[in-house]
Amino acid sequence: MPITKSAKKAANRSLVFQKRNNEFKLRMKMAIKKFLKNTNKSQEELNAVYKFIDKCKKVGVIKKNTASRKKSRVAKALAKQNS
């Protein structure tokens, strides 16, 4: 348990950031899952998934290469469906 006042504040901030990060990550995962499960994929839906992935990257939930990998996989799914 934190003892000093600053340690208590840091612990509280850590919990707030943890909650925020989990929300961003959950939104991203659900968007990807919904996109991959859908049989009629469109470019607009792909752009929406990209938006969630880029937002997670921007706030620091995932790293740049992870975001690129996820975007590549959903784009590949769209290309496969269209071919």
PDB file of N, CA and C in Angstrom:
ATOM      1  N   MET A   1       0.842  -1.193   0.000  1.00  0.00           N
ATOM      2  CA  MET A   1       0.000   0.000   0.000  1.00  0.00           C
ATOM      3  C   MET A   1       0.881   1.248   0.000  1.00  0.00           C
ATOM      4  N   PRO A   2       0.468   2.264  -0.762  1.00  0.00           N
ATOM      5  CA  PRO A   2       1.234   3.505  -0.778  1.00  0.00           C
ATOM      6  C   PRO A   2       1.168   4.206   0.578  1.00  0.00           C
ATOM      7  N   ILE A   3       2.274   4.812   0.930  1.00  0.00           N
ATOM      8  CA  ILE A   3       2.350   5.462   2.232  1.00  0.00           C
ATOM      9  C   ILE A   3       2.318   6.976   2.087  1.00  0.00           C
ATOM     10  N   THR A   4       3.169   7.506   1.225  1.00  0.00           N
ATOM     11  CA  THR A   4       3.232   8.958   1.073  1.00  0.00           C
ATOM     12  C   THR A   4       2.046   9.471   0.267  1.00  0.00           C
ATOM     13  N   LYS A   5       1.814  10.778   0.400  1.00  0.00           N
ATOM     14  CA  LYS A   5       0.691  11.404  -0.297  1.00  0.00           C
ATOM     15  C   LYS A   5       0.860  11.293  -1.812  1.00  0.00           C
ATOM     16  N   SER A   6       2.073  11.501  -2.300  1.00  0.00           N
ATOM     17  CA  SER A   6       2.307  11.434  -3.745  1.00  0.00           C
ATOM     18  C   SER A   6       2.141  10.005  -4.265  1.00  0.00           C
ATOM     19  N   ALA A   7       2.502   9.023  -3.452  1.00  0.00           N
ATOM     20  CA  ALA A   7       2.326   7.625  -3.859  1.00  0.00           C
ATOM     21  C   ALA A   7       0.843   7.270  -3.937  1.00  0.00           C
ATOM     22  N   LYS A   8       0.045   7.824  -3.031  1.00  0.00           N
ATOM     23  CA  LYS A   8      -1.394   7.585  -3.063  1.00  0.00           C
ATOM     24  C   LYS A   8      -2.010   8.196  -4.321  1.00  0.00           C
ATOM     25  N   LYS A   9      -1.558   9.412  -4.657  1.00  0.00           N
ATOM     26  CA  LYS A   9      -2.050  10.067  -5.869  1.00  0.00           C
ATOM     27  C   LYS A   9      -1.653   9.274  -7.108  1.00  0.00           C
ATOM     28  N   ALA A  10      -0.419   8.794  -7.110  1.00  0.00           N
ATOM     29  CA  ALA A  10       0.059   8.008  -8.251  1.00  0.00           C
ATOM     30  C   ALA A  10      -0.737   6.716  -8.393  1.00  0.00           C
ATOM     31  N   ALA A  11      -1.077   6.096  -7.290  1.00  0.00           N
ATOM     32  CA  ALA A  11      -1.862   4.866  -7.331  1.00  0.00           C
ATOM     33  C   ALA A  11      -3.262   5.140  -7.880  1.00  0.00           C
ATOM     34  N   ASN A  12      -3.854   6.267  -7.470  1.00  0.00           N
ATOM     35  CA  ASN A  12      -5.178   6.627  -7.987  1.00  0.00           C
ATOM     36  C   ASN A  12      -5.131   6.913  -9.479  1.00  0.00           C
ATOM     37  N   ARG A  13      -4.097   7.651  -9.902  1.00  0.00           N
ATOM     38  CA  ARG A  13      -3.938   7.957 -11.333  1.00  0.00           C
ATOM     39  C   ARG A  13      -3.741   6.682 -12.127  1.00  0.00           C
ATOM     40  N   SER A  14      -3.000   5.766 -11.553  1.00  0.00           N
ATOM     41  CA  SER A  14      -2.756   4.490 -12.228  1.00  0.00           C
ATOM     42  C   SER A  14      -4.063   3.748 -12.477  1.00  0.00           C
ATOM     43  N   LEU A  15      -4.950   3.763 -11.504  1.00  0.00           N
ATOM     44  CA  LEU A  15      -6.246   3.099 -11.665  1.00  0.00           C
ATOM     45  C   LEU A  15      -7.109   3.780 -12.722  1.00  0.00           C
ATOM     46  N   VAL A  16      -7.049   5.117 -12.756  1.00  0.00           N
ATOM     47  CA  VAL A  16      -7.821   5.869 -13.750  1.00  0.00           C
ATOM     48  C   VAL A  16      -7.321   5.547 -15.151  1.00  0.00           C
ATOM     49  N   PHE A  17      -5.999   5.563 -15.328  1.00  0.00           N
ATOM     50  CA  PHE A  17      -5.428   5.254 -16.640  1.00  0.00           C
ATOM     51  C   PHE A  17      -5.692   3.808 -17.038  1.00  0.00           C
ATOM     52  N   GLN A  18      -5.655   2.917 -16.077  1.00  0.00           N
ATOM     53  CA  GLN A  18      -5.920   1.513 -16.358  1.00  0.00           C
ATOM     54  C   GLN A  18      -7.347   1.339 -16.879  1.00  0.00           C
ATOM     55  N   LYS A  19      -8.286   2.019 -16.246  1.00  0.00           N
ATOM     56  CA  LYS A  19      -9.681   1.941 -16.679  1.00  0.00           C
ATOM     57  C   LYS A  19      -9.832   2.523 -18.082  1.00  0.00           C
ATOM     58  N   ARG A  20      -9.221   3.673 -18.319  1.00  0.00           N
ATOM     59  CA  ARG A  20      -9.308   4.317 -19.631  1.00  0.00           C
ATOM     60  C   ARG A  20      -8.699   3.439 -20.716  1.00  0.00           C
ATOM     61  N   ASN A  21      -7.528   2.874 -20.432  1.00  0.00           N
ATOM     62  CA  ASN A  21      -6.852   2.023 -21.409  1.00  0.00           C
ATOM     63  C   ASN A  21      -7.674   0.783 -21.729  1.00  0.00           C
ATOM     64  N   ASN A  22      -8.283   0.189 -20.720  1.00  0.00           N
ATOM     65  CA  ASN A  22      -9.115  -0.993 -20.942  1.00  0.00           C
ATOM     66  C   ASN A  22     -10.327  -0.663 -21.808  1.00  0.00           C
ATOM     67  N   GLU A  23     -10.909   0.523 -21.606  1.00  0.00           N
ATOM     68  CA  GLU A  23     -12.047   0.932 -22.417  1.00  0.00           C
ATOM     69  C   GLU A  23     -11.645   1.094 -23.879  1.00  0.00           C
ATOM     70  N   PHE A  24     -10.514   1.762 -24.124  1.00  0.00           N
ATOM     71  CA  PHE A  24     -10.029   1.942 -25.490  1.00  0.00           C
ATOM     72  C   PHE A  24      -9.731   0.592 -26.139  1.00  0.00           C
ATOM     73  N   LYS A  25      -9.061  -0.261 -25.394  1.00  0.00           N
ATOM     74  CA  LYS A  25      -8.693  -1.568 -25.937  1.00  0.00           C
ATOM     75  C   LYS A  25      -9.929  -2.412 -26.238  1.00  0.00           C
ATOM     76  N   LEU A  26     -10.921  -2.361 -25.354  1.00  0.00           N
ATOM     77  CA  LEU A  26     -12.142  -3.120 -25.563  1.00  0.00           C
ATOM     78  C   LEU A  26     -12.892  -2.623 -26.804  1.00  0.00           C
ATOM     79  N   ARG A  27     -12.987  -1.292 -26.967  1.00  0.00           N
ATOM     80  CA  ARG A  27     -13.653  -0.742 -28.145  1.00  0.00           C
ATOM     81  C   ARG A  27     -12.962  -1.187 -29.424  1.00  0.00           C
ATOM     82  N   MET A  28     -11.633  -1.157 -29.406  1.00  0.00           N
ATOM     83  CA  MET A  28     -10.867  -1.565 -30.578  1.00  0.00           C
ATOM     84  C   MET A  28     -11.096  -3.045 -30.878  1.00  0.00           C
ATOM     85  N   LYS A  29     -11.017  -3.881 -29.863  1.00  0.00           N
ATOM     86  CA  LYS A  29     -11.184  -5.318 -30.063  1.00  0.00           C
ATOM     87  C   LYS A  29     -12.583  -5.647 -30.574  1.00  0.00           C
ATOM     88  N   MET A  30     -13.588  -4.992 -30.024  1.00  0.00           N
ATOM     89  CA  MET A  30     -14.959  -5.253 -30.455  1.00  0.00           C
ATOM     90  C   MET A  30     -15.177  -4.794 -31.892  1.00  0.00           C
ATOM     91  N   ALA A  31     -14.576  -3.675 -32.277  1.00  0.00           N
ATOM     92  CA  ALA A  31     -14.711  -3.192 -33.649  1.00  0.00           C
ATOM     93  C   ALA A  31     -14.059  -4.163 -34.628  1.00  0.00           C
ATOM     94  N   ILE A  32     -12.891  -4.673 -34.270  1.00  0.00           N
ATOM     95  CA  ILE A  32     -12.198  -5.631 -35.133  1.00  0.00           C
ATOM     96  C   ILE A  32     -13.011  -6.918 -35.242  1.00  0.00           C
ATOM     97  N   LYS A  33     -13.495  -7.403 -34.111  1.00  0.00           N
ATOM     98  CA  LYS A  33     -14.262  -8.643 -34.094  1.00  0.00           C
ATOM     99  C   LYS A  33     -15.539  -8.504 -34.928  1.00  0.00           C
ATOM    100  N   LYS A  34     -16.229  -7.390 -34.765  1.00  0.00           N
ATOM    101  CA  LYS A  34     -17.462  -7.147 -35.509  1.00  0.00           C
ATOM    102  C   LYS A  34     -17.168  -7.084 -37.006  1.00  0.00           C
ATOM    103  N   PHE A  35     -16.068  -6.430 -37.370  1.00  0.00           N
ATOM    104  CA  PHE A  35     -15.697  -6.305 -38.784  1.00  0.00           C
ATOM    105  C   PHE A  35     -15.368  -7.665 -39.381  1.00  0.00           C
ATOM    106  N   LEU A  36     -14.597  -8.475 -38.670  1.00  0.00           N
ATOM    107  CA  LEU A  36     -14.192  -9.775 -39.196  1.00  0.00           C
ATOM    108  C   LEU A  36     -15.362 -10.748 -39.282  1.00  0.00           C
ATOM    109  N   LYS A  37     -16.331 -10.607 -38.375  1.00  0.00           N
ATOM    110  CA  LYS A  37     -17.477 -11.511 -38.360  1.00  0.00           C
ATOM    111  C   LYS A  37     -18.481 -11.167 -39.459  1.00  0.00           C
ATOM    112  N   ASN A  38     -18.516  -9.887 -39.844  1.00  0.00           N
ATOM    113  CA  ASN A  38     -19.464  -9.424 -40.860  1.00  0.00           C
ATOM    114  C   ASN A  38     -19.127 -10.030 -42.218  1.00  0.00           C
ATOM    115  N   THR A  39     -20.138 -10.490 -42.933  1.00  0.00           N
ATOM    116  CA  THR A  39     -19.897 -11.096 -44.246  1.00  0.00           C
ATOM    117  C   THR A  39     -19.847 -10.052 -45.353  1.00  0.00           C
ATOM    118  N   ASN A  40     -20.539  -8.927 -45.183  1.00  0.00           N
ATOM    119  CA  ASN A  40     -20.529  -7.866 -46.191  1.00  0.00           C
ATOM    120  C   ASN A  40     -19.650  -6.716 -45.714  1.00  0.00           C
ATOM    121  N   LYS A  41     -18.356  -6.870 -45.876  1.00  0.00           N
ATOM    122  CA  LYS A  41     -17.425  -5.844 -45.423  1.00  0.00           C
ATOM    123  C   LYS A  41     -17.381  -4.707 -46.447  1.00  0.00           C
ATOM    124  N   SER A  42     -17.250  -3.473 -45.960  1.00  0.00           N
ATOM    125  CA  SER A  42     -17.154  -2.328 -46.849  1.00  0.00           C
ATOM    126  C   SER A  42     -15.999  -1.437 -46.418  1.00  0.00           C
ATOM    127  N   GLN A  43     -15.637  -0.522 -47.292  1.00  0.00           N
ATOM    128  CA  GLN A  43     -14.533   0.391 -47.007  1.00  0.00           C
ATOM    129  C   GLN A  43     -14.875   1.314 -45.834  1.00  0.00           C
ATOM    130  N   GLU A  44     -16.145   1.704 -45.710  1.00  0.00           N
ATOM    131  CA  GLU A  44     -16.545   2.587 -44.607  1.00  0.00           C
ATOM    132  C   GLU A  44     -16.354   1.881 -43.256  1.00  0.00           C
ATOM    133  N   GLU A  45     -16.704   0.606 -43.210  1.00  0.00           N
ATOM    134  CA  GLU A  45     -16.510  -0.158 -41.969  1.00  0.00           C
ATOM    135  C   GLU A  45     -15.023  -0.303 -41.659  1.00  0.00           C
ATOM    136  N   LEU A  46     -14.223  -0.506 -42.702  1.00  0.00           N
ATOM    137  CA  LEU A  46     -12.769  -0.603 -42.504  1.00  0.00           C
ATOM    138  C   LEU A  46     -12.223   0.701 -41.950  1.00  0.00           C
ATOM    139  N   ASN A  47     -12.715   1.823 -42.458  1.00  0.00           N
ATOM    140  CA  ASN A  47     -12.271   3.125 -41.962  1.00  0.00           C
ATOM    141  C   ASN A  47     -12.643   3.313 -40.493  1.00  0.00           C
ATOM    142  N   ALA A  48     -13.798   2.806 -40.098  1.00  0.00           N
ATOM    143  CA  ALA A  48     -14.214   2.906 -38.691  1.00  0.00           C
ATOM    144  C   ALA A  48     -13.286   2.089 -37.799  1.00  0.00           C
ATOM    145  N   VAL A  49     -12.894   0.905 -38.271  1.00  0.00           N
ATOM    146  CA  VAL A  49     -11.967   0.069 -37.493  1.00  0.00           C
ATOM    147  C   VAL A  49     -10.609   0.767 -37.404  1.00  0.00           C
ATOM    148  N   TYR A  50     -10.164   1.341 -38.523  1.00  0.00           N
ATOM    149  CA  TYR A  50      -8.900   2.092 -38.520  1.00  0.00           C
ATOM    150  C   TYR A  50      -8.940   3.227 -37.496  1.00  0.00           C
ATOM    151  N   LYS A  51     -10.087   3.876 -37.377  1.00  0.00           N
ATOM    152  CA  LYS A  51     -10.237   4.986 -36.443  1.00  0.00           C
ATOM    153  C   LYS A  51      -9.993   4.518 -35.010  1.00  0.00           C
ATOM    154  N   PHE A  52     -10.581   3.376 -34.649  1.00  0.00           N
ATOM    155  CA  PHE A  52     -10.392   2.854 -33.298  1.00  0.00           C
ATOM    156  C   PHE A  52      -8.939   2.446 -33.064  1.00  0.00           C
ATOM    157  N   ILE A  53      -8.332   1.817 -34.059  1.00  0.00           N
ATOM    158  CA  ILE A  53      -6.940   1.380 -33.918  1.00  0.00           C
ATOM    159  C   ILE A  53      -6.015   2.587 -33.772  1.00  0.00           C
ATOM    160  N   ASP A  54      -6.228   3.605 -34.612  1.00  0.00           N
ATOM    161  CA  ASP A  54      -5.384   4.797 -34.555  1.00  0.00           C
ATOM    162  C   ASP A  54      -5.549   5.546 -33.239  1.00  0.00           C
ATOM    163  N   LYS A  55      -6.759   5.569 -32.711  1.00  0.00           N
ATOM    164  CA  LYS A  55      -6.995   6.242 -31.434  1.00  0.00           C
ATOM    165  C   LYS A  55      -6.250   5.519 -30.309  1.00  0.00           C
ATOM    166  N   CYS A  56      -6.274   4.187 -30.335  1.00  0.00           N
ATOM    167  CA  CYS A  56      -5.541   3.424 -29.323  1.00  0.00           C
ATOM    168  C   CYS A  56      -4.043   3.690 -29.424  1.00  0.00           C
ATOM    169  N   LYS A  57      -3.566   3.802 -30.650  1.00  0.00           N
ATOM    170  CA  LYS A  57      -2.148   4.097 -30.849  1.00  0.00           C
ATOM    171  C   LYS A  57      -1.815   5.494 -30.343  1.00  0.00           C
ATOM    172  N   LYS A  58      -2.697   6.441 -30.608  1.00  0.00           N
ATOM    173  CA  LYS A  58      -2.456   7.831 -30.229  1.00  0.00           C
ATOM    174  C   LYS A  58      -2.361   8.011 -28.718  1.00  0.00           C
ATOM    175  N   VAL A  59      -3.257   7.344 -27.970  1.00  0.00           N
ATOM    176  CA  VAL A  59      -3.251   7.509 -26.519  1.00  0.00           C
ATOM    177  C   VAL A  59      -2.238   6.596 -25.835  1.00  0.00           C
ATOM    178  N   GLY A  60      -1.599   5.710 -26.605  1.00  0.00           N
ATOM    179  CA  GLY A  60      -0.524   4.898 -26.038  1.00  0.00           C
ATOM    180  C   GLY A  60      -0.953   3.549 -25.515  1.00  0.00           C
ATOM    181  N   VAL A  61      -2.139   3.097 -25.888  1.00  0.00           N
ATOM    182  CA  VAL A  61      -2.604   1.788 -25.427  1.00  0.00           C
ATOM    183  C   VAL A  61      -1.851   0.683 -26.165  1.00  0.00           C
ATOM    184  N   ILE A  62      -1.635   0.888 -27.474  1.00  0.00           N
ATOM    185  CA  ILE A  62      -0.849  -0.069 -28.256  1.00  0.00           C
ATOM    186  C   ILE A  62       0.278   0.686 -28.952  1.00  0.00           C
ATOM    187  N   LYS A  63       1.284  -0.053 -29.377  1.00  0.00           N
ATOM    188  CA  LYS A  63       2.425   0.571 -30.032  1.00  0.00           C
ATOM    189  C   LYS A  63       2.201   0.680 -31.534  1.00  0.00           C
ATOM    190  N   LYS A  64       3.088   1.421 -32.183  1.00  0.00           N
ATOM    191  CA  LYS A  64       2.937   1.725 -33.603  1.00  0.00           C
ATOM    192  C   LYS A  64       2.916   0.473 -34.467  1.00  0.00           C
ATOM    193  N   ASN A  65       3.836  -0.442 -34.237  1.00  0.00           N
ATOM    194  CA  ASN A  65       3.902  -1.651 -35.063  1.00  0.00           C
ATOM    195  C   ASN A  65       2.710  -2.569 -34.812  1.00  0.00           C
ATOM    196  N   THR A  66       2.217  -2.599 -33.592  1.00  0.00           N
ATOM    197  CA  THR A  66       1.039  -3.394 -33.269  1.00  0.00           C
ATOM    198  C   THR A  66      -0.171  -2.841 -34.020  1.00  0.00           C
ATOM    199  N   ALA A  67      -0.294  -1.519 -34.041  1.00  0.00           N
ATOM    200  CA  ALA A  67      -1.390  -0.892 -34.772  1.00  0.00           C
ATOM    201  C   ALA A  67      -1.290  -1.209 -36.258  1.00  0.00           C
ATOM    202  N   SER A  68      -0.095  -1.133 -36.799  1.00  0.00           N
ATOM    203  CA  SER A  68       0.103  -1.433 -38.222  1.00  0.00           C
ATOM    204  C   SER A  68      -0.265  -2.874 -38.524  1.00  0.00           C
ATOM    205  N   ARG A  69       0.111  -3.781 -37.649  1.00  0.00           N
ATOM    206  CA  ARG A  69      -0.192  -5.196 -37.848  1.00  0.00           C
ATOM    207  C   ARG A  69      -1.702  -5.436 -37.832  1.00  0.00           C
ATOM    208  N   LYS A  70      -2.404  -4.829 -36.881  1.00  0.00           N
ATOM    209  CA  LYS A  70      -3.845  -5.009 -36.790  1.00  0.00           C
ATOM    210  C   LYS A  70      -4.549  -4.415 -38.016  1.00  0.00           C
ATOM    211  N   LYS A  71      -4.107  -3.248 -38.462  1.00  0.00           N
ATOM    212  CA  LYS A  71      -4.697  -2.623 -39.642  1.00  0.00           C
ATOM    213  C   LYS A  71      -4.459  -3.477 -40.877  1.00  0.00           C
ATOM    214  N   SER A  72      -3.283  -4.059 -40.964  1.00  0.00           N
ATOM    215  CA  SER A  72      -2.953  -4.909 -42.103  1.00  0.00           C
ATOM    216  C   SER A  72      -3.844  -6.144 -42.134  1.00  0.00           C
ATOM    217  N   ARG A  73      -4.089  -6.722 -40.987  1.00  0.00           N
ATOM    218  CA  ARG A  73      -4.906  -7.941 -40.931  1.00  0.00           C
ATOM    219  C   ARG A  73      -6.359  -7.678 -41.311  1.00  0.00           C
ATOM    220  N   VAL A  74      -6.910  -6.542 -40.876  1.00  0.00           N
ATOM    221  CA  VAL A  74      -8.297  -6.265 -41.246  1.00  0.00           C
ATOM    222  C   VAL A  74      -8.396  -5.870 -42.720  1.00  0.00           C
ATOM    223  N   ALA A  75      -7.383  -5.183 -43.244  1.00  0.00           N
ATOM    224  CA  ALA A  75      -7.382  -4.848 -44.667  1.00  0.00           C
ATOM    225  C   ALA A  75      -7.273  -6.107 -45.517  1.00  0.00           C
ATOM    226  N   LYS A  76      -6.475  -7.054 -45.048  1.00  0.00           N
ATOM    227  CA  LYS A  76      -6.335  -8.331 -45.758  1.00  0.00           C
ATOM    228  C   LYS A  76      -7.669  -9.073 -45.778  1.00  0.00           C
ATOM    229  N   ALA A  77      -8.418  -9.012 -44.685  1.00  0.00           N
ATOM    230  CA  ALA A  77      -9.727  -9.665 -44.630  1.00  0.00           C
ATOM    231  C   ALA A  77     -10.688  -9.032 -45.628  1.00  0.00           C
ATOM    232  N   LEU A  78     -10.639  -7.702 -45.764  1.00  0.00           N
ATOM    233  CA  LEU A  78     -11.497  -7.020 -46.735  1.00  0.00           C
ATOM    234  C   LEU A  78     -11.108  -7.401 -48.149  1.00  0.00           C
ATOM    235  N   ALA A  79      -9.803  -7.451 -48.441  1.00  0.00           N
ATOM    236  CA  ALA A  79      -9.329  -7.798 -49.770  1.00  0.00           C
ATOM    237  C   ALA A  79      -9.711  -9.235 -50.124  1.00  0.00           C
ATOM    238  N   LYS A  80      -9.616 -10.115 -49.156  1.00  0.00           N
ATOM    239  CA  LYS A  80      -9.963 -11.524 -49.378  1.00  0.00           C
ATOM    240  C   LYS A  80     -11.449 -11.664 -49.687  1.00  0.00           C
ATOM    241  N   GLN A  81     -12.290 -10.891 -48.986  1.00  0.00           N
ATOM    242  CA  GLN A  81     -13.722 -10.964 -49.183  1.00  0.00           C
ATOM    243  C   GLN A  81     -14.106 -10.396 -50.558  1.00  0.00           C
ATOM    244  N   ASN A  82     -13.401  -9.369 -51.013  1.00  0.00           N
ATOM    245  CA  ASN A  82     -13.729  -8.729 -52.283  1.00  0.00           C
ATOM    246  C   ASN A  82     -13.214  -9.505 -53.484  1.00  0.00           C
ATOM    247  N   SER A  83     -12.253 -10.395 -53.278  1.00  0.00           N
ATOM    248  CA  SER A  83     -11.706 -11.134 -54.418  1.00  0.00           C
ATOM    249  C   SER A  83     -12.471 -12.394 -54.741  1.00  0.00           C
TER     250      SER A  83
END
